[in-house]
N, C-alpha and C. Protein backbone atom coordinates (compact mmCIF):
# COMPACT_ATOMS: atom_id res chain seq x y z
N GLY A 1 19.55 27.62 -5.03
CA GLY A 1 18.40 26.75 -4.86
C GLY A 1 18.53 25.48 -5.66
N LYS A 2 17.82 24.47 -5.24
CA LYS A 2 17.93 23.20 -5.94
C LYS A 2 16.85 23.02 -6.99
N GLY A 3 15.80 23.81 -6.88
CA GLY A 3 14.76 23.72 -7.89
C GLY A 3 13.79 22.57 -7.67
N LYS A 4 14.06 21.74 -6.65
CA LYS A 4 13.17 20.59 -6.46
C LYS A 4 12.42 20.70 -5.15
N GLY A 5 11.84 21.84 -4.92
CA GLY A 5 11.19 22.05 -3.63
C GLY A 5 10.04 21.12 -3.35
N LYS A 6 9.09 21.09 -4.25
CA LYS A 6 7.84 20.44 -3.90
C LYS A 6 7.53 19.23 -4.76
N GLY A 7 8.26 18.18 -4.66
CA GLY A 7 7.87 17.00 -5.41
C GLY A 7 7.04 16.09 -4.56
N LYS A 8 7.35 16.05 -3.27
CA LYS A 8 6.75 15.05 -2.39
C LYS A 8 5.38 15.46 -1.89
N GLY A 9 4.52 14.49 -1.72
CA GLY A 9 3.22 14.74 -1.10
C GLY A 9 2.33 15.58 -1.99
N ASP A 10 2.82 15.82 -3.18
CA ASP A 10 2.14 16.74 -4.07
C ASP A 10 1.33 15.93 -5.07
N PHE A 11 1.73 14.65 -5.20
CA PHE A 11 1.11 13.83 -6.22
C PHE A 11 0.18 12.84 -5.57
N GLY A 12 -0.13 13.04 -4.31
CA GLY A 12 -0.90 12.06 -3.56
C GLY A 12 -2.25 11.75 -4.15
N GLY A 13 -3.11 12.75 -4.31
CA GLY A 13 -4.48 12.45 -4.71
C GLY A 13 -4.76 12.78 -6.14
N GLY A 14 -3.77 13.21 -6.88
CA GLY A 14 -4.02 13.76 -8.20
C GLY A 14 -4.63 12.79 -9.18
N TYR A 15 -4.17 11.54 -9.16
CA TYR A 15 -4.57 10.64 -10.23
C TYR A 15 -5.69 9.71 -9.79
N LYS A 16 -6.28 9.95 -8.63
CA LYS A 16 -7.32 9.03 -8.16
C LYS A 16 -8.62 9.20 -8.92
N GLY A 17 -9.19 8.11 -9.33
CA GLY A 17 -10.55 8.12 -9.83
C GLY A 17 -10.73 8.75 -11.20
N ASN A 18 -9.67 9.17 -11.87
CA ASN A 18 -9.92 9.73 -13.20
C ASN A 18 -9.64 8.69 -14.26
N GLY A 19 -10.62 7.85 -14.51
CA GLY A 19 -10.47 6.86 -15.57
C GLY A 19 -9.72 5.65 -15.10
N LYS A 20 -10.11 4.48 -15.59
CA LYS A 20 -9.48 3.26 -15.11
C LYS A 20 -8.57 2.66 -16.16
N GLN A 21 -8.37 3.35 -17.27
CA GLN A 21 -7.69 2.68 -18.36
C GLN A 21 -6.22 2.45 -18.06
N GLN A 22 -5.65 3.21 -17.11
CA GLN A 22 -4.23 2.99 -16.85
C GLN A 22 -4.01 2.29 -15.53
N GLN A 23 -4.75 1.22 -15.32
CA GLN A 23 -4.64 0.49 -14.06
C GLN A 23 -3.25 -0.05 -13.81
N SER A 24 -2.62 -0.57 -14.87
CA SER A 24 -1.33 -1.19 -14.66
C SER A 24 -0.32 -0.18 -14.14
N ALA A 25 -0.58 1.09 -14.40
CA ALA A 25 0.36 2.11 -13.95
C ALA A 25 -0.02 2.69 -12.59
N ALA A 26 -1.17 2.29 -12.08
CA ALA A 26 -1.63 2.85 -10.81
C ALA A 26 -0.58 2.60 -9.74
N ALA A 27 -0.32 3.63 -8.97
CA ALA A 27 0.86 3.58 -8.11
C ALA A 27 1.04 2.31 -7.28
N PRO A 28 0.47 2.22 -6.08
CA PRO A 28 1.03 1.16 -5.24
C PRO A 28 0.68 -0.25 -5.68
N GLY A 29 -0.39 -0.47 -6.40
CA GLY A 29 -0.61 -1.80 -6.92
C GLY A 29 -1.71 -2.57 -6.20
N THR A 30 -1.79 -3.85 -6.52
CA THR A 30 -2.92 -4.67 -6.10
C THR A 30 -2.51 -5.76 -5.12
N LYS A 31 -1.21 -5.87 -4.84
CA LYS A 31 -0.76 -6.97 -3.99
C LYS A 31 -0.51 -6.47 -2.58
N LEU A 32 -1.14 -7.13 -1.61
CA LEU A 32 -1.02 -6.70 -0.22
C LEU A 32 -0.25 -7.72 0.60
N PHE A 33 0.48 -7.20 1.57
CA PHE A 33 1.12 -8.03 2.57
C PHE A 33 0.24 -8.00 3.81
N VAL A 34 -0.06 -9.17 4.35
CA VAL A 34 -0.89 -9.25 5.55
C VAL A 34 -0.09 -9.93 6.65
N GLY A 35 0.09 -9.25 7.76
CA GLY A 35 0.89 -9.80 8.85
C GLY A 35 0.09 -9.96 10.13
N ASN A 36 0.74 -10.58 11.12
CA ASN A 36 0.14 -10.80 12.43
C ASN A 36 -1.09 -11.73 12.34
N LEU A 37 -0.96 -12.75 11.51
CA LEU A 37 -2.04 -13.73 11.38
C LEU A 37 -1.78 -14.90 12.32
N PRO A 38 -2.83 -15.57 12.79
CA PRO A 38 -2.61 -16.78 13.60
C PRO A 38 -1.81 -17.80 12.81
N PRO A 39 -0.89 -18.52 13.46
CA PRO A 39 0.02 -19.43 12.75
C PRO A 39 -0.70 -20.52 11.98
N ASP A 40 -1.91 -20.88 12.40
CA ASP A 40 -2.62 -21.97 11.72
C ASP A 40 -3.74 -21.45 10.83
N ILE A 41 -3.63 -20.21 10.41
CA ILE A 41 -4.67 -19.58 9.59
C ILE A 41 -4.86 -20.34 8.28
N GLN A 42 -6.07 -20.41 7.79
CA GLN A 42 -6.37 -21.07 6.52
C GLN A 42 -6.59 -20.03 5.43
N GLN A 43 -6.25 -20.42 4.20
CA GLN A 43 -6.46 -19.53 3.05
C GLN A 43 -7.90 -19.04 2.97
N GLU A 44 -8.83 -19.97 3.19
CA GLU A 44 -10.24 -19.62 3.07
C GLU A 44 -10.64 -18.51 4.03
N ALA A 45 -10.10 -18.56 5.24
CA ALA A 45 -10.44 -17.55 6.24
C ALA A 45 -9.97 -16.18 5.79
N ILE A 46 -8.76 -16.14 5.22
CA ILE A 46 -8.23 -14.86 4.73
C ILE A 46 -9.08 -14.37 3.57
N ARG A 47 -9.37 -15.27 2.65
CA ARG A 47 -10.13 -14.89 1.47
C ARG A 47 -11.51 -14.34 1.86
N MET A 48 -12.14 -14.98 2.83
CA MET A 48 -13.47 -14.54 3.25
C MET A 48 -13.45 -13.10 3.75
N VAL A 49 -12.42 -12.77 4.52
CA VAL A 49 -12.33 -11.41 5.04
C VAL A 49 -12.07 -10.41 3.92
N PHE A 50 -11.11 -10.73 3.06
CA PHE A 50 -10.68 -9.74 2.07
C PHE A 50 -11.65 -9.61 0.90
N GLU A 51 -12.46 -10.62 0.67
CA GLU A 51 -13.42 -10.52 -0.43
C GLU A 51 -14.54 -9.53 -0.15
N HIS A 52 -14.65 -9.09 1.11
CA HIS A 52 -15.63 -8.04 1.40
C HIS A 52 -15.27 -6.75 0.67
N TYR A 53 -14.01 -6.59 0.31
CA TYR A 53 -13.54 -5.29 -0.21
C TYR A 53 -13.24 -5.32 -1.69
N GLY A 54 -13.42 -6.48 -2.33
CA GLY A 54 -13.15 -6.53 -3.76
C GLY A 54 -12.92 -7.96 -4.21
N LYS A 55 -12.55 -8.09 -5.48
CA LYS A 55 -12.33 -9.42 -6.05
C LYS A 55 -10.91 -9.87 -5.75
N VAL A 56 -10.80 -10.90 -4.93
CA VAL A 56 -9.48 -11.43 -4.56
C VAL A 56 -9.05 -12.42 -5.64
N THR A 57 -7.89 -12.17 -6.24
CA THR A 57 -7.43 -13.07 -7.30
C THR A 57 -6.44 -14.10 -6.80
N ASN A 58 -5.84 -13.85 -5.63
CA ASN A 58 -4.82 -14.77 -5.15
C ASN A 58 -4.58 -14.58 -3.65
N VAL A 59 -4.44 -15.69 -2.94
CA VAL A 59 -4.06 -15.65 -1.53
C VAL A 59 -2.89 -16.61 -1.36
N HIS A 60 -1.81 -16.13 -0.80
CA HIS A 60 -0.64 -16.99 -0.60
C HIS A 60 -0.15 -16.84 0.83
N ILE A 61 -0.18 -17.92 1.58
CA ILE A 61 0.29 -17.88 2.97
C ILE A 61 1.77 -18.25 3.00
N MET A 62 2.55 -17.43 3.67
CA MET A 62 3.98 -17.70 3.82
C MET A 62 4.14 -18.74 4.92
N GLN A 63 4.79 -19.85 4.60
CA GLN A 63 4.88 -20.91 5.59
C GLN A 63 5.94 -20.63 6.64
N GLY A 64 7.00 -19.93 6.27
CA GLY A 64 8.06 -19.65 7.23
C GLY A 64 7.52 -18.79 8.36
N ARG A 65 7.70 -19.23 9.58
CA ARG A 65 7.22 -18.46 10.72
C ARG A 65 8.08 -17.22 10.90
N SER A 66 7.43 -16.16 11.34
CA SER A 66 8.20 -14.98 11.71
C SER A 66 8.63 -15.15 13.16
N ASN A 67 9.46 -14.23 13.64
CA ASN A 67 9.97 -14.33 15.00
C ASN A 67 8.85 -14.35 16.03
N SER A 68 7.77 -13.67 15.72
CA SER A 68 6.68 -13.55 16.69
C SER A 68 5.83 -14.81 16.74
N GLY A 69 6.08 -15.74 15.81
CA GLY A 69 5.26 -16.94 15.76
C GLY A 69 3.99 -16.74 14.96
N GLN A 70 3.77 -15.51 14.49
CA GLN A 70 2.58 -15.25 13.69
C GLN A 70 2.85 -15.61 12.23
N ALA A 71 1.80 -15.90 11.51
CA ALA A 71 1.93 -16.16 10.08
C ALA A 71 1.74 -14.85 9.32
N CYS A 72 2.14 -14.85 8.05
CA CYS A 72 1.83 -13.71 7.20
C CYS A 72 1.42 -14.25 5.83
N ALA A 73 0.81 -13.39 5.04
CA ALA A 73 0.27 -13.84 3.77
C ALA A 73 0.30 -12.70 2.76
N PHE A 74 0.14 -13.05 1.50
CA PHE A 74 -0.04 -12.06 0.44
C PHE A 74 -1.44 -12.24 -0.13
N VAL A 75 -2.11 -11.13 -0.34
CA VAL A 75 -3.44 -11.15 -0.93
C VAL A 75 -3.41 -10.25 -2.15
N GLU A 76 -3.91 -10.75 -3.27
CA GLU A 76 -3.89 -9.95 -4.49
C GLU A 76 -5.32 -9.64 -4.92
N TYR A 77 -5.54 -8.37 -5.26
CA TYR A 77 -6.86 -7.93 -5.71
C TYR A 77 -6.86 -7.71 -7.22
N ALA A 78 -8.06 -7.65 -7.77
CA ALA A 78 -8.20 -7.40 -9.20
C ALA A 78 -7.89 -5.95 -9.54
N SER A 79 -8.15 -5.02 -8.61
CA SER A 79 -7.88 -3.61 -8.92
C SER A 79 -7.25 -2.89 -7.73
N PRO A 80 -6.44 -1.86 -8.02
CA PRO A 80 -5.74 -1.11 -6.97
C PRO A 80 -6.69 -0.44 -5.98
N GLY A 81 -7.84 0.01 -6.46
CA GLY A 81 -8.78 0.67 -5.57
C GLY A 81 -9.28 -0.26 -4.48
N GLU A 82 -9.49 -1.51 -4.84
CA GLU A 82 -9.95 -2.50 -3.87
C GLU A 82 -8.87 -2.76 -2.83
N ALA A 83 -7.64 -2.84 -3.30
CA ALA A 83 -6.53 -3.08 -2.38
C ALA A 83 -6.42 -1.93 -1.38
N GLU A 84 -6.58 -0.71 -1.89
CA GLU A 84 -6.47 0.46 -1.03
C GLU A 84 -7.57 0.45 0.03
N THR A 85 -8.78 0.10 -0.39
CA THR A 85 -9.90 0.04 0.56
C THR A 85 -9.61 -0.96 1.67
N ALA A 86 -9.06 -2.11 1.30
CA ALA A 86 -8.77 -3.14 2.29
C ALA A 86 -7.75 -2.64 3.31
N ILE A 87 -6.72 -1.93 2.83
CA ILE A 87 -5.71 -1.40 3.74
C ILE A 87 -6.34 -0.41 4.71
N ILE A 88 -7.09 0.53 4.15
CA ILE A 88 -7.68 1.57 4.99
C ILE A 88 -8.63 0.96 6.02
N THR A 89 -9.38 -0.05 5.62
CA THR A 89 -10.40 -0.61 6.49
C THR A 89 -9.84 -1.58 7.52
N LEU A 90 -8.83 -2.36 7.12
CA LEU A 90 -8.40 -3.48 7.96
C LEU A 90 -7.13 -3.24 8.75
N ASN A 91 -6.21 -2.45 8.20
CA ASN A 91 -4.89 -2.37 8.82
C ASN A 91 -4.96 -1.91 10.27
N ASP A 92 -4.51 -2.78 11.16
CA ASP A 92 -4.46 -2.48 12.58
C ASP A 92 -5.84 -2.18 13.17
N LYS A 93 -6.90 -2.62 12.49
CA LYS A 93 -8.25 -2.36 12.99
C LYS A 93 -9.07 -3.63 13.10
N TYR A 94 -8.56 -4.75 12.62
CA TYR A 94 -9.38 -5.94 12.51
C TYR A 94 -8.67 -7.16 13.09
N GLU A 95 -9.37 -7.91 13.94
CA GLU A 95 -8.83 -9.17 14.45
C GLU A 95 -9.44 -10.31 13.65
N ILE A 96 -8.61 -11.04 12.93
CA ILE A 96 -9.14 -12.13 12.12
C ILE A 96 -9.59 -13.26 13.03
N ARG A 97 -8.99 -13.33 14.22
CA ARG A 97 -9.45 -14.26 15.24
C ARG A 97 -9.38 -13.53 16.57
N PRO A 98 -10.52 -13.34 17.22
CA PRO A 98 -10.54 -12.54 18.46
C PRO A 98 -9.51 -13.02 19.47
N GLY A 99 -8.78 -12.07 20.03
CA GLY A 99 -7.76 -12.40 21.01
C GLY A 99 -6.37 -12.53 20.42
N GLU A 100 -6.27 -12.58 19.10
CA GLU A 100 -4.96 -12.74 18.46
C GLU A 100 -4.32 -11.40 18.13
N GLY A 101 -5.06 -10.32 18.30
CA GLY A 101 -4.50 -9.00 17.96
C GLY A 101 -4.85 -8.60 16.54
N ASN A 102 -4.77 -7.31 16.28
CA ASN A 102 -5.14 -6.79 14.96
C ASN A 102 -4.16 -7.24 13.89
N ILE A 103 -4.68 -7.49 12.71
CA ILE A 103 -3.81 -7.85 11.59
C ILE A 103 -3.18 -6.58 11.01
N MET A 104 -2.08 -6.77 10.33
CA MET A 104 -1.39 -5.67 9.66
C MET A 104 -1.59 -5.85 8.16
N VAL A 105 -2.01 -4.79 7.50
CA VAL A 105 -2.23 -4.87 6.05
C VAL A 105 -1.51 -3.71 5.39
N LYS A 106 -0.63 -4.00 4.45
CA LYS A 106 0.07 -2.93 3.74
C LYS A 106 0.39 -3.41 2.33
N TYR A 107 0.84 -2.50 1.50
CA TYR A 107 1.21 -2.91 0.14
C TYR A 107 2.44 -3.81 0.20
N ALA A 108 2.40 -4.89 -0.55
CA ALA A 108 3.57 -5.74 -0.67
C ALA A 108 4.60 -4.96 -1.47
N SER A 109 5.84 -4.99 -1.04
CA SER A 109 6.84 -4.26 -1.81
C SER A 109 6.98 -4.95 -3.15
N SER A 110 6.82 -4.19 -4.20
CA SER A 110 6.85 -4.79 -5.52
C SER A 110 8.28 -5.12 -5.89
N THR A 111 8.43 -6.14 -6.72
CA THR A 111 9.77 -6.57 -7.10
C THR A 111 10.32 -5.68 -8.20
N ASN A 112 9.43 -4.98 -8.90
CA ASN A 112 9.93 -4.21 -10.04
C ASN A 112 10.15 -2.74 -9.68
N GLY A 113 11.32 -2.48 -9.15
CA GLY A 113 11.70 -1.09 -8.92
C GLY A 113 11.07 -0.47 -7.70
N PRO A 114 11.32 0.82 -7.51
CA PRO A 114 10.84 1.54 -6.33
C PRO A 114 9.33 1.58 -6.29
N LYS A 115 8.78 1.71 -5.10
CA LYS A 115 7.35 1.58 -4.93
C LYS A 115 6.59 2.59 -5.76
N TRP A 116 7.07 3.83 -5.81
CA TRP A 116 6.29 4.85 -6.51
C TRP A 116 6.61 4.90 -7.99
N GLY A 117 7.66 4.19 -8.40
CA GLY A 117 8.01 4.18 -9.81
C GLY A 117 8.18 5.59 -10.34
N PRO A 118 8.11 5.74 -11.63
CA PRO A 118 8.30 7.05 -12.26
C PRO A 118 7.01 7.85 -12.32
N TYR A 119 5.90 7.35 -11.76
CA TYR A 119 4.62 8.02 -11.97
C TYR A 119 4.47 9.23 -11.07
């Protein structure tokens, strides 16, 4: 046997909601990637949508067009819980402009190491 049977999917809900003092260590983080946006989207429009779910600290629109011609952006929240709420509520469920299709919302891949880190 390898001894490592059950590591995965086992740590999913364990650390949720028990104290906020270790926010910096909270798993996926506060920075979201938002895709499938209209090419001429404005920062304000994105901020207005995402501020419903928490305190938005930063909105950055990527100017380089993707192959689909859609724009994408990064949205940063003050806390991981807010970011998670936005993903659950908006991802593939919300049209920022009717007729343009649902936006995609997911965690931005962090630059510092693997997404789940050592936690």
